[in-house]
Amino acid sequence: MARDTMMSWQVGDVTVTRIVEIWNFTDHINMTMSDATPEEVIALEWLHPHYATPDGQQRMNFQGFVVQAGGRNIVVDSCIGAGRQRDFDVFCNLPEGFLEDLESLGLTREQVDTVLCTHLHFDHVGWNTYKDPETGTYKPTFPNARYLFGRTEYDAWQNVIRHDGHHTDTHLVECVDPIVELGLADFIEAHHEIASGPDWRIFTEPSHGHTPGHVHVCIESRGQRAVITGDLMHHPMQCAMPHRTATFDMDKDAGRASRISFVETYRDSGVVVIGAHFFDPTAGHIETAPNGETWFHGLGL
């Protein structure tokens, strides 16, 4: 049975469904914006109650997405994975709810044909693989899928990040290396056509900064448009303040430039913005608020 955290959005002929692994995670806003304060969060009334707690903490999800159209079944960012050991307790030894939710869509693991990772952080590649209980080895969760990794992104992790002394590579060993070794990976450029049909199109665009080669995912169908952000932003507050430094951007100047460009492109455009880590409502519009400032207006609010 699907958990009540699942949500779907229709974009013309394309259906986007979120699958949540960690729901309503709260933390200090400087987890996302290094110089932000709880007082600033409290002062932005539109963040409450959906995206912030009364005492000014941020609310967020860790989640992946299933994009379906024309018989194609595409996983965008495969989240954290079950039974893993990661740097923080909240990410360790998670249950297998992700696969159960996938099955509730009427999808088997074998029917997923594409896995697209916006970048290669641990919480976006986890379900690329699963641990075989008999052998203890990591095998592809989606055995019939092509896994799409950005060429720039992959090369950076292999040649620089993996050896910089600041990033552990456990998630690469478990969730990326086995895919590459089995020949299931396709290395793509930042502008890449994932899939298309007569009246729909799914493709990537570059948003470098959070990681080298980071991309976001664009969806177009029958005059409707949506975009899945990846981690070019983590919290709706960044829609109002895209120029502020993001804590986890590897290239902070480039990340700032990508966010500013993204907000300028999609503000007042009618495009549905689906935040990779946004709490409920996860989808909405970047709009000019009545007071002239920029805000994120969640769908249904």
C-alpha atoms as a PDB file:
ATOM      1  CA  MET A   1       0.000   0.000   0.000  1.00  0.00           C
ATOM      2  CA  ALA A   2       1.268   3.455  -0.896  1.00  0.00           C
ATOM      3  CA  ARG A   3       2.220   5.695   1.997  1.00  0.00           C
ATOM      4  CA  ASP A   4       0.271   8.923   2.378  1.00  0.00           C
ATOM      5  CA  THR A   5       3.440  10.914   1.666  1.00  0.00           C
ATOM      6  CA  MET A   6       3.184  10.086  -2.033  1.00  0.00           C
ATOM      7  CA  MET A   7       1.963  12.877  -4.317  1.00  0.00           C
ATOM      8  CA  SER A   8       1.528  13.121  -8.094  1.00  0.00           C
ATOM      9  CA  TRP A   9       1.304  15.999 -10.549  1.00  0.00           C
ATOM     10  CA  GLN A  10       0.092  15.947 -14.141  1.00  0.00           C
ATOM     11  CA  VAL A  11       1.993  17.933 -16.750  1.00  0.00           C
ATOM     12  CA  GLY A  12       0.076  17.394 -19.970  1.00  0.00           C
ATOM     13  CA  ASP A  13       0.660  13.732 -20.822  1.00  0.00           C
ATOM     14  CA  VAL A  14       3.421  13.349 -18.234  1.00  0.00           C
ATOM     15  CA  THR A  15       2.863  12.183 -14.644  1.00  0.00           C
ATOM     16  CA  VAL A  16       5.382  13.036 -11.936  1.00  0.00           C
ATOM     17  CA  THR A  17       5.152  11.198  -8.611  1.00  0.00           C
ATOM     18  CA  ARG A  18       7.291  11.856  -5.578  1.00  0.00           C
ATOM     19  CA  ILE A  19       8.506   9.036  -3.361  1.00  0.00           C
ATOM     20  CA  VAL A  20       9.623  10.220   0.074  1.00  0.00           C
ATOM     21  CA  GLU A  21      12.261   8.456   2.167  1.00  0.00           C
ATOM     22  CA  ILE A  22      12.560  11.030   4.966  1.00  0.00           C
ATOM     23  CA  TRP A  23       9.517  13.230   5.518  1.00  0.00           C
ATOM     24  CA  ASN A  24       9.359  16.465   7.496  1.00  0.00           C
ATOM     25  CA  PHE A  25      13.010  16.641   8.483  1.00  0.00           C
ATOM     26  CA  THR A  26      13.694  19.804  10.497  1.00  0.00           C
ATOM     27  CA  ASP A  27      16.980  21.577  11.075  1.00  0.00           C
ATOM     28  CA  HIS A  28      18.556  25.009  11.475  1.00  0.00           C
ATOM     29  CA  ILE A  29      18.201  27.080   8.303  1.00  0.00           C
ATOM     30  CA  ASN A  30      21.980  27.426   8.068  1.00  0.00           C
ATOM     31  CA  MET A  31      22.038  23.783   6.991  1.00  0.00           C
ATOM     32  CA  THR A  32      20.827  25.213   3.674  1.00  0.00           C
ATOM     33  CA  MET A  33      21.918  28.866   3.768  1.00  0.00           C
ATOM     34  CA  SER A  34      25.116  29.291   5.749  1.00  0.00           C
ATOM     35  CA  ASP A  35      24.479  32.861   6.915  1.00  0.00           C
ATOM     36  CA  ALA A  36      20.709  32.638   7.432  1.00  0.00           C
ATOM     37  CA  THR A  37      19.066  32.914  10.859  1.00  0.00           C
ATOM     38  CA  PRO A  38      15.877  31.574  12.437  1.00  0.00           C
ATOM     39  CA  GLU A  39      14.719  35.173  12.819  1.00  0.00           C
ATOM     40  CA  GLU A  40      14.769  35.593   9.039  1.00  0.00           C
ATOM     41  CA  VAL A  41      12.744  32.411   8.622  1.00  0.00           C
ATOM     42  CA  ILE A  42      10.178  33.576  11.182  1.00  0.00           C
ATOM     43  CA  ALA A  43       9.873  36.942   9.426  1.00  0.00           C
ATOM     44  CA  LEU A  44       8.906  35.393   6.064  1.00  0.00           C
ATOM     45  CA  GLU A  45       5.247  34.749   6.737  1.00  0.00           C
ATOM     46  CA  TRP A  46       4.678  32.812   3.516  1.00  0.00           C
ATOM     47  CA  LEU A  47       7.031  30.050   4.727  1.00  0.00           C
ATOM     48  CA  HIS A  48       4.622  29.191   7.553  1.00  0.00           C
ATOM     49  CA  PRO A  49       3.414  26.628   8.426  1.00  0.00           C
ATOM     50  CA  HIS A  50       4.362  24.487   5.447  1.00  0.00           C
ATOM     51  CA  TYR A  51       8.063  25.180   5.021  1.00  0.00           C
ATOM     52  CA  ALA A  52       9.139  26.267   8.494  1.00  0.00           C
ATOM     53  CA  THR A  53       8.503  25.596  12.163  1.00  0.00           C
ATOM     54  CA  PRO A  54       7.256  28.348  14.516  1.00  0.00           C
ATOM     55  CA  ASP A  55      10.757  28.703  15.982  1.00  0.00           C
ATOM     56  CA  GLY A  56      12.348  29.290  12.566  1.00  0.00           C
ATOM     57  CA  GLN A  57      13.689  25.882  11.624  1.00  0.00           C
ATOM     58  CA  GLN A  58      13.416  24.695   8.037  1.00  0.00           C
ATOM     59  CA  ARG A  59      11.208  21.753   7.061  1.00  0.00           C
ATOM     60  CA  MET A  60      12.301  19.533   4.194  1.00  0.00           C
ATOM     61  CA  ASN A  61      12.031  16.090   2.616  1.00  0.00           C
ATOM     62  CA  PHE A  62      14.500  13.618   1.172  1.00  0.00           C
ATOM     63  CA  GLN A  63      12.712  12.203  -1.853  1.00  0.00           C
ATOM     64  CA  GLY A  64      12.979  10.926  -5.406  1.00  0.00           C
ATOM     65  CA  PHE A  65      10.635  11.107  -8.368  1.00  0.00           C
ATOM     66  CA  VAL A  66       9.077   8.796 -10.939  1.00  0.00           C
ATOM     67  CA  VAL A  67       8.299  10.415 -14.301  1.00  0.00           C
ATOM     68  CA  GLN A  68       5.964   8.500 -16.613  1.00  0.00           C
ATOM     69  CA  ALA A  69       4.841   9.189 -20.175  1.00  0.00           C
ATOM     70  CA  GLY A  70       4.221   7.202 -23.339  1.00  0.00           C
ATOM     71  CA  GLY A  71       5.080   3.914 -21.650  1.00  0.00           C
ATOM     72  CA  ARG A  72       8.381   5.241 -20.328  1.00  0.00           C
ATOM     73  CA  ASN A  73       9.158   4.867 -16.610  1.00  0.00           C
ATOM     74  CA  ILE A  74      11.943   7.184 -15.471  1.00  0.00           C
ATOM     75  CA  VAL A  75      13.329   7.522 -11.954  1.00  0.00           C
ATOM     76  CA  VAL A  76      14.797  10.963 -11.278  1.00  0.00           C
ATOM     77  CA  ASP A  77      17.167  10.794  -8.288  1.00  0.00           C
ATOM     78  CA  SER A  78      16.936   7.483  -6.451  1.00  0.00           C
ATOM     79  CA  CYS A  79      17.200   8.895  -2.926  1.00  0.00           C
ATOM     80  CA  ILE A  80      19.168   7.322  -0.034  1.00  0.00           C
ATOM     81  CA  GLY A  81      18.601   3.578  -0.069  1.00  0.00           C
ATOM     82  CA  ALA A  82      17.730   1.053   2.643  1.00  0.00           C
ATOM     83  CA  GLY A  83      20.073  -0.330   5.255  1.00  0.00           C
ATOM     84  CA  ARG A  84      22.934   2.039   4.436  1.00  0.00           C
ATOM     85  CA  GLN A  85      25.569   3.479   6.744  1.00  0.00           C
ATOM     86  CA  ARG A  86      26.038   7.190   6.101  1.00  0.00           C
ATOM     87  CA  ASP A  87      27.677  10.085   7.942  1.00  0.00           C
ATOM     88  CA  PHE A  88      24.564  11.055   9.920  1.00  0.00           C
ATOM     89  CA  ASP A  89      22.253   8.752  11.876  1.00  0.00           C
ATOM     90  CA  VAL A  90      19.088  10.036  10.189  1.00  0.00           C
ATOM     91  CA  PHE A  91      20.244   8.491   6.898  1.00  0.00           C
ATOM     92  CA  CYS A  92      21.288   5.124   8.310  1.00  0.00           C
ATOM     93  CA  ASN A  93      19.377   1.835   8.197  1.00  0.00           C
ATOM     94  CA  LEU A  94      16.293   3.162   6.423  1.00  0.00           C
ATOM     95  CA  PRO A  95      13.487   0.698   5.549  1.00  0.00           C
ATOM     96  CA  GLU A  96      12.534  -0.343   2.019  1.00  0.00           C
ATOM     97  CA  GLY A  97       9.534   1.968   1.691  1.00  0.00           C
ATOM     98  CA  PHE A  98      10.873   3.469  -1.539  1.00  0.00           C
ATOM     99  CA  LEU A  99      10.425   0.195  -3.423  1.00  0.00           C
ATOM    100  CA  GLU A 100       7.060  -0.443  -1.810  1.00  0.00           C
ATOM    101  CA  ASP A 101       5.832   2.953  -3.000  1.00  0.00           C
ATOM    102  CA  LEU A 102       7.169   2.262  -6.465  1.00  0.00           C
ATOM    103  CA  GLU A 103       5.203  -0.974  -6.565  1.00  0.00           C
ATOM    104  CA  SER A 104       2.061   0.883  -5.509  1.00  0.00           C
ATOM    105  CA  LEU A 105       2.252   2.712  -8.855  1.00  0.00           C
ATOM    106  CA  GLY A 106       1.900  -0.652 -10.557  1.00  0.00           C
ATOM    107  CA  LEU A 107       5.595  -0.640 -11.440  1.00  0.00           C
ATOM    108  CA  THR A 108       8.041  -3.447 -10.961  1.00  0.00           C
ATOM    109  CA  ARG A 109      11.747  -2.740 -10.687  1.00  0.00           C
ATOM    110  CA  GLU A 110      12.180  -4.406 -14.067  1.00  0.00           C
ATOM    111  CA  GLN A 111       9.818  -1.915 -15.755  1.00  0.00           C
ATOM    112  CA  VAL A 112      11.930   1.139 -14.936  1.00  0.00           C
ATOM    113  CA  ASP A 113      13.799   1.930 -18.159  1.00  0.00           C
ATOM    114  CA  THR A 114      15.821   4.992 -17.147  1.00  0.00           C
ATOM    115  CA  VAL A 115      17.425   6.360 -13.964  1.00  0.00           C
ATOM    116  CA  LEU A 116      18.615   9.966 -14.151  1.00  0.00           C
ATOM    117  CA  CYS A 117      20.792  11.340 -11.349  1.00  0.00           C
ATOM    118  CA  THR A 118      20.868  15.141 -11.246  1.00  0.00           C
ATOM    119  CA  HIS A 119      24.171  14.736  -9.382  1.00  0.00           C
ATOM    120  CA  LEU A 120      26.039  12.081  -7.428  1.00  0.00           C
ATOM    121  CA  HIS A 121      25.518  12.966  -3.773  1.00  0.00           C
ATOM    122  CA  PHE A 122      24.547  10.008  -1.588  1.00  0.00           C
ATOM    123  CA  ASP A 123      20.878  11.031  -1.236  1.00  0.00           C
ATOM    124  CA  HIS A 124      20.349  11.066  -4.997  1.00  0.00           C
ATOM    125  CA  VAL A 125      21.898   7.716  -5.965  1.00  0.00           C
ATOM    126  CA  GLY A 126      20.954   5.359  -3.127  1.00  0.00           C
ATOM    127  CA  TRP A 127      18.423   3.118  -4.829  1.00  0.00           C
ATOM    128  CA  ASN A 128      20.551   2.753  -7.928  1.00  0.00           C
ATOM    129  CA  THR A 129      21.526  -0.490  -6.227  1.00  0.00           C
ATOM    130  CA  TYR A 130      20.412  -2.845  -3.474  1.00  0.00           C
ATOM    131  CA  LYS A 131      22.446  -5.152  -1.273  1.00  0.00           C
ATOM    132  CA  ASP A 132      22.019  -8.786  -2.171  1.00  0.00           C
ATOM    133  CA  PRO A 133      21.399 -10.535   1.191  1.00  0.00           C
ATOM    134  CA  GLU A 134      22.995 -13.756  -0.018  1.00  0.00           C
ATOM    135  CA  THR A 135      26.251 -12.399  -1.418  1.00  0.00           C
ATOM    136  CA  GLY A 136      26.534  -9.032   0.344  1.00  0.00           C
ATOM    137  CA  THR A 137      27.278  -7.385  -3.010  1.00  0.00           C
ATOM    138  CA  TYR A 138      25.483  -4.402  -4.512  1.00  0.00           C
ATOM    139  CA  LYS A 139      23.373  -5.100  -7.580  1.00  0.00           C
ATOM    140  CA  PRO A 140      21.293  -2.824  -9.841  1.00  0.00           C
ATOM    141  CA  THR A 141      17.866  -2.157  -8.377  1.00  0.00           C
ATOM    142  CA  PHE A 142      16.533  -1.526 -11.879  1.00  0.00           C
ATOM    143  CA  PRO A 143      18.235  -4.212 -13.986  1.00  0.00           C
ATOM    144  CA  ASN A 144      16.709  -3.167 -17.314  1.00  0.00           C
ATOM    145  CA  ALA A 145      17.373   0.557 -16.947  1.00  0.00           C
ATOM    146  CA  ARG A 146      20.033   2.764 -18.441  1.00  0.00           C
ATOM    147  CA  TYR A 147      21.533   4.933 -15.723  1.00  0.00           C
ATOM    148  CA  LEU A 148      22.275   8.491 -16.850  1.00  0.00           C
ATOM    149  CA  PHE A 149      25.196  10.196 -15.104  1.00  0.00           C
ATOM    150  CA  GLY A 150      26.499  13.580 -16.139  1.00  0.00           C
ATOM    151  CA  ARG A 151      29.900  13.192 -17.775  1.00  0.00           C
ATOM    152  CA  THR A 152      31.294  16.300 -16.065  1.00  0.00           C
ATOM    153  CA  GLU A 153      29.795  15.211 -12.752  1.00  0.00           C
ATOM    154  CA  TYR A 154      31.167  11.684 -12.920  1.00  0.00           C
ATOM    155  CA  ASP A 155      34.628  12.781 -14.004  1.00  0.00           C
ATOM    156  CA  ALA A 156      34.804  15.333 -11.179  1.00  0.00           C
ATOM    157  CA  TRP A 157      33.979  12.703  -8.568  1.00  0.00           C
ATOM    158  CA  GLN A 158      36.494  10.275 -10.002  1.00  0.00           C
ATOM    159  CA  ASN A 159      39.346  12.721 -10.527  1.00  0.00           C
ATOM    160  CA  VAL A 160      38.922  15.373  -7.837  1.00  0.00           C
ATOM    161  CA  ILE A 161      36.190  14.998  -5.230  1.00  0.00           C
ATOM    162  CA  ARG A 162      36.869  11.368  -4.427  1.00  0.00           C
ATOM    163  CA  HIS A 163      40.429  12.234  -3.473  1.00  0.00           C
ATOM    164  CA  ASP A 164      40.061  15.660  -1.856  1.00  0.00           C
ATOM    165  CA  GLY A 165      39.965  14.418   1.740  1.00  0.00           C
ATOM    166  CA  HIS A 166      36.568  16.018   2.420  1.00  0.00           C
ATOM    167  CA  HIS A 167      34.164  13.590   0.748  1.00  0.00           C
ATOM    168  CA  THR A 168      33.793   9.914   1.540  1.00  0.00           C
ATOM    169  CA  ASP A 169      33.187   7.626  -1.423  1.00  0.00           C
ATOM    170  CA  THR A 170      31.152   4.876   0.258  1.00  0.00           C
ATOM    171  CA  HIS A 171      28.046   5.825  -1.715  1.00  0.00           C
ATOM    172  CA  LEU A 172      30.010   5.699  -4.964  1.00  0.00           C
ATOM    173  CA  VAL A 173      31.367   2.257  -4.134  1.00  0.00           C
ATOM    174  CA  GLU A 174      27.870   0.999  -3.351  1.00  0.00           C
ATOM    175  CA  CYS A 175      25.634   2.921  -5.748  1.00  0.00           C
ATOM    176  CA  VAL A 176      27.642   4.146  -8.738  1.00  0.00           C
ATOM    177  CA  ASP A 177      30.655   1.904  -9.305  1.00  0.00           C
ATOM    178  CA  PRO A 178      28.592  -1.319  -9.695  1.00  0.00           C
ATOM    179  CA  ILE A 179      26.442   0.351 -12.359  1.00  0.00           C
ATOM    180  CA  VAL A 180      29.478   1.500 -14.329  1.00  0.00           C
ATOM    181  CA  GLU A 181      31.230  -1.858 -13.987  1.00  0.00           C
ATOM    182  CA  LEU A 182      28.195  -3.663 -15.425  1.00  0.00           C
ATOM    183  CA  GLY A 183      28.038  -1.329 -18.419  1.00  0.00           C
ATOM    184  CA  LEU A 184      24.628   0.088 -17.469  1.00  0.00           C
ATOM    185  CA  ALA A 185      25.735   3.738 -17.305  1.00  0.00           C
ATOM    186  CA  ASP A 186      25.467   6.340 -20.046  1.00  0.00           C
ATOM    187  CA  PHE A 187      27.524   9.484 -19.525  1.00  0.00           C
ATOM    188  CA  ILE A 188      25.544  12.484 -20.735  1.00  0.00           C
ATOM    189  CA  GLU A 189      26.191  16.141 -21.417  1.00  0.00           C
ATOM    190  CA  ALA A 190      24.385  18.821 -19.402  1.00  0.00           C
ATOM    191  CA  HIS A 191      21.900  19.414 -22.223  1.00  0.00           C
ATOM    192  CA  HIS A 192      20.423  15.973 -22.780  1.00  0.00           C
ATOM    193  CA  GLU A 193      17.168  14.655 -24.238  1.00  0.00           C
ATOM    194  CA  ILE A 194      16.029  11.921 -21.832  1.00  0.00           C
ATOM    195  CA  ALA A 195      12.851  10.895 -23.646  1.00  0.00           C
ATOM    196  CA  SER A 196      10.183  12.372 -25.901  1.00  0.00           C
ATOM    197  CA  GLY A 197       6.910  11.553 -27.640  1.00  0.00           C
ATOM    198  CA  PRO A 198       4.516  13.272 -30.030  1.00  0.00           C
ATOM    199  CA  ASP A 199       3.239  15.660 -27.351  1.00  0.00           C
ATOM    200  CA  TRP A 200       5.816  15.485 -24.559  1.00  0.00           C
ATOM    201  CA  ARG A 201       9.486  15.979 -23.890  1.00  0.00           C
ATOM    202  CA  ILE A 202      11.763  15.321 -20.869  1.00  0.00           C
ATOM    203  CA  PHE A 203      15.278  16.779 -20.886  1.00  0.00           C
ATOM    204  CA  THR A 204      18.045  18.180 -18.703  1.00  0.00           C
ATOM    205  CA  GLU A 205      19.551  21.641 -18.407  1.00  0.00           C
ATOM    206  CA  PRO A 206      22.782  22.647 -16.638  1.00  0.00           C
ATOM    207  CA  SER A 207      22.804  24.190 -13.147  1.00  0.00           C
ATOM    208  CA  HIS A 208      26.442  23.846 -12.156  1.00  0.00           C
ATOM    209  CA  GLY A 209      27.575  24.827  -8.677  1.00  0.00           C
ATOM    210  CA  HIS A 210      26.081  22.520  -6.096  1.00  0.00           C
ATOM    211  CA  THR A 211      28.341  19.973  -7.760  1.00  0.00           C
ATOM    212  CA  PRO A 212      30.387  20.180 -10.941  1.00  0.00           C
ATOM    213  CA  GLY A 213      27.998  19.258 -13.740  1.00  0.00           C
ATOM    214  CA  HIS A 214      24.767  19.384 -11.722  1.00  0.00           C
ATOM    215  CA  VAL A 215      21.606  19.388 -13.887  1.00  0.00           C
ATOM    216  CA  HIS A 216      17.890  19.941 -13.396  1.00  0.00           C
ATOM    217  CA  VAL A 217      15.099  18.163 -15.276  1.00  0.00           C
ATOM    218  CA  CYS A 218      12.592  19.920 -17.544  1.00  0.00           C
ATOM    219  CA  ILE A 219       9.229  18.531 -18.627  1.00  0.00           C
ATOM    220  CA  GLU A 220       7.065  19.883 -21.455  1.00  0.00           C
ATOM    221  CA  SER A 221       3.742  18.509 -22.671  1.00  0.00           C
ATOM    222  CA  ARG A 222       0.699  20.021 -24.405  1.00  0.00           C
ATOM    223  CA  GLY A 223       1.625  23.565 -23.477  1.00  0.00           C
ATOM    224  CA  GLN A 224       2.342  22.750 -19.826  1.00  0.00           C
ATOM    225  CA  ARG A 225       5.791  22.838 -18.254  1.00  0.00           C
ATOM    226  CA  ALA A 226       7.466  21.685 -15.043  1.00  0.00           C
ATOM    227  CA  VAL A 227      10.995  21.468 -13.705  1.00  0.00           C
ATOM    228  CA  ILE A 228      12.547  19.236 -11.031  1.00  0.00           C
ATOM    229  CA  THR A 229      15.223  21.310  -9.323  1.00  0.00           C
ATOM    230  CA  GLY A 230      17.731  18.769  -8.140  1.00  0.00           C
ATOM    231  CA  ASP A 231      19.858  20.433  -5.474  1.00  0.00           C
ATOM    232  CA  LEU A 232      20.377  23.802  -7.120  1.00  0.00           C
ATOM    233  CA  MET A 233      18.163  24.808  -4.183  1.00  0.00           C
ATOM    234  CA  HIS A 234      17.066  22.915  -1.069  1.00  0.00           C
ATOM    235  CA  HIS A 235      14.429  25.162   0.493  1.00  0.00           C
ATOM    236  CA  PRO A 236      11.764  27.598  -0.806  1.00  0.00           C
ATOM    237  CA  MET A 237      13.457  30.465   1.067  1.00  0.00           C
ATOM    238  CA  GLN A 238      16.132  30.319  -1.638  1.00  0.00           C
ATOM    239  CA  CYS A 239      13.548  31.356  -4.227  1.00  0.00           C
ATOM    240  CA  ALA A 240      13.334  34.684  -2.414  1.00  0.00           C
ATOM    241  CA  MET A 241      17.074  34.902  -1.770  1.00  0.00           C
ATOM    242  CA  PRO A 242      18.867  33.077  -4.612  1.00  0.00           C
ATOM    243  CA  HIS A 243      21.931  35.293  -4.176  1.00  0.00           C
ATOM    244  CA  ARG A 244      22.622  34.020  -0.667  1.00  0.00           C
ATOM    245  CA  THR A 245      25.378  31.456  -0.192  1.00  0.00           C
ATOM    246  CA  ALA A 246      24.246  27.811  -0.150  1.00  0.00           C
ATOM    247  CA  THR A 247      26.013  25.748   2.477  1.00  0.00           C
ATOM    248  CA  PHE A 248      26.555  22.605   0.415  1.00  0.00           C
ATOM    249  CA  ASP A 249      27.443  24.186  -2.933  1.00  0.00           C
ATOM    250  CA  MET A 250      30.892  22.979  -3.905  1.00  0.00           C
ATOM    251  CA  ASP A 251      31.372  26.039  -6.122  1.00  0.00           C
ATOM    252  CA  LYS A 252      29.498  28.713  -4.227  1.00  0.00           C
ATOM    253  CA  ASP A 253      29.792  31.453  -6.864  1.00  0.00           C
ATOM    254  CA  ALA A 254      28.587  29.150  -9.626  1.00  0.00           C
ATOM    255  CA  GLY A 255      25.760  27.846  -7.441  1.00  0.00           C
ATOM    256  CA  ARG A 256      24.654  31.396  -6.708  1.00  0.00           C
ATOM    257  CA  ALA A 257      24.688  32.230 -10.425  1.00  0.00           C
ATOM    258  CA  SER A 258      22.666  29.099 -11.260  1.00  0.00           C
ATOM    259  CA  ARG A 259      20.013  29.923  -8.642  1.00  0.00           C
ATOM    260  CA  ILE A 260      19.701  33.536  -9.728  1.00  0.00           C
ATOM    261  CA  SER A 261      19.330  32.477 -13.365  1.00  0.00           C
ATOM    262  CA  PHE A 262      16.816  29.770 -12.424  1.00  0.00           C
ATOM    263  CA  VAL A 263      14.636  32.178 -10.428  1.00  0.00           C
ATOM    264  CA  GLU A 264      14.786  34.816 -13.154  1.00  0.00           C
ATOM    265  CA  THR A 265      13.832  32.226 -15.772  1.00  0.00           C
ATOM    266  CA  TYR A 266      10.912  30.663 -13.939  1.00  0.00           C
ATOM    267  CA  ARG A 267       9.467  33.520 -11.858  1.00  0.00           C
ATOM    268  CA  ASP A 268       5.935  34.407 -13.041  1.00  0.00           C
ATOM    269  CA  SER A 269       6.306  31.917 -15.909  1.00  0.00           C
ATOM    270  CA  GLY A 270       3.529  29.520 -14.920  1.00  0.00           C
ATOM    271  CA  VAL A 271       6.045  26.669 -14.888  1.00  0.00           C
ATOM    272  CA  VAL A 272       5.493  24.216 -12.039  1.00  0.00           C
ATOM    273  CA  VAL A 273       8.658  24.050  -9.935  1.00  0.00           C
ATOM    274  CA  ILE A 274       9.111  20.740  -8.084  1.00  0.00           C
ATOM    275  CA  GLY A 275      11.675  21.158  -5.325  1.00  0.00           C
ATOM    276  CA  ALA A 276      13.813  18.082  -4.818  1.00  0.00           C
ATOM    277  CA  HIS A 277      13.857  18.686  -1.059  1.00  0.00           C
ATOM    278  CA  PHE A 278      10.814  20.939  -0.609  1.00  0.00           C
ATOM    279  CA  PHE A 279       8.344  19.901   2.071  1.00  0.00           C
ATOM    280  CA  ASP A 280       4.580  19.924   1.380  1.00  0.00           C
ATOM    281  CA  PRO A 281       3.504  21.254  -1.035  1.00  0.00           C
ATOM    282  CA  THR A 282       6.601  20.133  -2.895  1.00  0.00           C
ATOM    283  CA  ALA A 283       5.396  21.674  -6.166  1.00  0.00           C
ATOM    284  CA  GLY A 284       4.416  25.266  -6.828  1.00  0.00           C
ATOM    285  CA  HIS A 285       5.275  28.456  -8.666  1.00  0.00           C
ATOM    286  CA  ILE A 286       7.972  31.049  -8.168  1.00  0.00           C
ATOM    287  CA  GLU A 287       5.993  34.275  -8.214  1.00  0.00           C
ATOM    288  CA  THR A 288       6.185  37.969  -7.527  1.00  0.00           C
ATOM    289  CA  ALA A 289       4.349  38.420  -4.256  1.00  0.00           C
ATOM    290  CA  PRO A 290       1.820  41.214  -3.664  1.00  0.00           C
ATOM    291  CA  ASN A 291       4.526  43.239  -1.884  1.00  0.00           C
ATOM    292  CA  GLY A 292       6.826  42.964  -4.909  1.00  0.00           C
ATOM    293  CA  GLU A 293       9.174  40.397  -3.408  1.00  0.00           C
ATOM    294  CA  THR A 294       9.763  36.916  -4.804  1.00  0.00           C
ATOM    295  CA  TRP A 295       8.189  33.920  -3.112  1.00  0.00           C
ATOM    296  CA  PHE A 296       7.372  30.260  -3.675  1.00  0.00           C
ATOM    297  CA  HIS A 297       3.615  29.702  -3.863  1.00  0.00           C
ATOM    298  CA  GLY A 298       2.915  26.021  -3.196  1.00  0.00           C
ATOM    299  CA  LEU A 299       0.184  24.365  -5.233  1.00  0.00           C
ATOM    300  CA  GLY A 300      -3.086  24.252  -3.315  1.00  0.00           C
ATOM    301  CA  LEU A 301      -2.183  27.042  -0.897  1.00  0.00           C
END
